[in-house]
Amino acid sequence: MLKLFWEFIVLILLFANIFGNHSKKEKHVSDWLGIARITFFILLTLAVIQFIVVFPAHIVWHIIWLLYLVAVYILMENTFRLKRETFGNPLQAFIVTTALVITLIIIIALF
């Protein structure tokens, strides 16, 4: 059940990232950024809860997973910032989208 919720949250995050980076108006970019922030907060909360639940076992894997999620969050915030200030960076938007797809694949394969 939790795995399905993880997948759903990452899919919402993926769509928010894609639609936000392809929006033409700054208001729409800000709206998608808000949705992306909320879903990423939920994703990080789930990761921390899972880290606490399985604390003694697999500690290194969960620390690496949390660091990866924080790095993707920083990239996503930077991409939305560039989109709001300028016309955005298509390569960086592609990198963030790829990182979110990798996140989804990891969740499907390992959790």
Protein backbone atom coordinates (compact mmCIF):
# COMPACT_ATOMS: atom_id res chain seq x y z
CA MET A 1 0.00 0.00 0.00
CA LEU A 2 2.78 2.40 0.87
CA LYS A 3 4.62 1.56 -2.35
CA LEU A 4 1.56 2.54 -4.37
CA PHE A 5 1.39 5.86 -2.49
CA TRP A 6 5.12 6.48 -3.19
CA GLU A 7 4.54 5.84 -6.91
CA PHE A 8 1.50 8.12 -6.98
CA ILE A 9 3.39 10.96 -5.28
CA VAL A 10 6.35 10.65 -7.66
CA LEU A 11 4.00 10.64 -10.68
CA ILE A 12 2.30 13.82 -9.44
CA LEU A 13 5.74 15.34 -8.91
CA LEU A 14 6.84 14.30 -12.39
CA PHE A 15 3.75 15.85 -14.02
CA ALA A 16 4.10 19.03 -11.95
CA ASN A 17 7.71 19.34 -13.04
CA ILE A 18 6.93 18.77 -16.73
CA PHE A 19 3.90 21.08 -16.82
CA GLY A 20 5.66 23.74 -14.76
CA ASN A 21 8.69 23.81 -17.04
CA HIS A 22 6.50 24.03 -20.13
CA SER A 23 4.18 26.75 -18.83
CA LYS A 24 4.26 30.06 -20.65
CA LYS A 25 2.91 32.31 -17.88
CA GLU A 26 4.72 32.97 -14.62
CA LYS A 27 1.51 32.43 -12.63
CA HIS A 28 1.19 28.90 -14.00
CA VAL A 29 4.85 28.22 -13.24
CA SER A 30 4.26 29.38 -9.65
CA ASP A 31 1.16 27.18 -9.33
CA TRP A 32 3.02 24.10 -10.53
CA LEU A 33 5.93 24.98 -8.26
CA GLY A 34 3.57 25.00 -5.28
CA ILE A 35 2.19 21.59 -6.22
CA ALA A 36 5.73 20.26 -6.72
CA ARG A 37 6.87 21.59 -3.33
CA ILE A 38 3.94 20.03 -1.49
CA THR A 39 4.38 16.64 -3.16
CA PHE A 40 8.14 16.70 -2.61
CA PHE A 41 7.59 17.50 1.07
CA ILE A 42 5.30 14.47 1.28
CA LEU A 43 7.93 12.36 -0.50
CA LEU A 44 10.68 13.47 1.89
CA THR A 45 8.39 12.85 4.86
CA LEU A 46 7.74 9.32 3.65
CA ALA A 47 11.46 8.74 3.20
CA VAL A 48 12.23 9.95 6.73
CA ILE A 49 9.44 7.80 8.19
CA GLN A 50 10.77 4.77 6.34
CA PHE A 51 14.28 5.58 7.58
CA ILE A 52 13.03 5.69 11.18
CA VAL A 53 11.08 2.45 10.82
CA VAL A 54 14.01 0.43 9.44
CA PHE A 55 16.71 2.31 11.35
CA PRO A 56 19.10 -0.48 12.39
CA ALA A 57 18.96 -2.30 9.05
CA HIS A 58 19.96 -0.77 5.72
CA ILE A 59 21.06 2.52 7.26
CA VAL A 60 23.56 3.37 4.52
CA TRP A 61 21.04 2.75 1.75
CA HIS A 62 18.46 5.04 3.36
CA ILE A 63 20.98 7.82 3.99
CA ILE A 64 22.01 7.68 0.32
CA TRP A 65 18.31 7.68 -0.67
CA LEU A 66 17.62 10.77 1.48
CA LEU A 67 20.66 12.59 0.06
CA TYR A 68 19.54 11.73 -3.48
CA LEU A 69 16.05 13.10 -2.80
CA VAL A 70 17.49 16.32 -1.35
CA ALA A 71 19.75 16.72 -4.41
CA VAL A 72 16.77 16.25 -6.76
CA TYR A 73 14.80 18.80 -4.72
CA ILE A 74 17.61 21.35 -5.04
CA LEU A 75 17.79 20.76 -8.80
CA MET A 76 14.02 21.10 -9.12
CA GLU A 77 13.94 24.36 -7.15
CA ASN A 78 16.78 25.76 -9.26
CA THR A 79 14.98 24.77 -12.48
CA PHE A 80 11.77 26.49 -11.41
CA ARG A 81 13.76 29.56 -10.32
CA LEU A 82 15.38 29.78 -13.75
CA LYS A 83 12.00 29.33 -15.41
CA ARG A 84 10.49 32.18 -13.39
CA GLU A 85 13.41 34.60 -13.86
CA THR A 86 14.34 33.80 -17.46
CA PHE A 87 13.00 31.43 -20.09
CA GLY A 88 14.46 28.44 -18.26
CA ASN A 89 17.17 25.96 -19.10
CA PRO A 90 15.87 23.02 -21.17
CA LEU A 91 18.89 20.84 -20.35
CA GLN A 92 18.44 21.32 -16.62
CA ALA A 93 14.70 20.65 -16.93
CA PHE A 94 15.54 17.42 -18.76
CA ILE A 95 18.02 16.43 -16.03
CA VAL A 96 15.39 16.99 -13.30
CA THR A 97 12.79 15.03 -15.25
CA THR A 98 15.28 12.20 -15.75
CA ALA A 99 16.15 12.22 -12.04
CA LEU A 100 12.45 11.96 -11.16
CA VAL A 101 12.01 9.06 -13.59
CA ILE A 102 15.01 7.35 -11.97
CA THR A 103 13.36 7.94 -8.59
CA LEU A 104 10.20 6.26 -9.84
CA ILE A 105 12.18 3.30 -11.20
CA ILE A 106 14.03 2.90 -7.89
CA ILE A 107 10.75 2.95 -5.97
CA ILE A 108 9.19 0.37 -8.29
CA ALA A 109 12.23 -1.89 -8.23
CA LEU A 110 13.42 -1.72 -4.63
CA PHE A 111 10.58 -0.78 -2.32
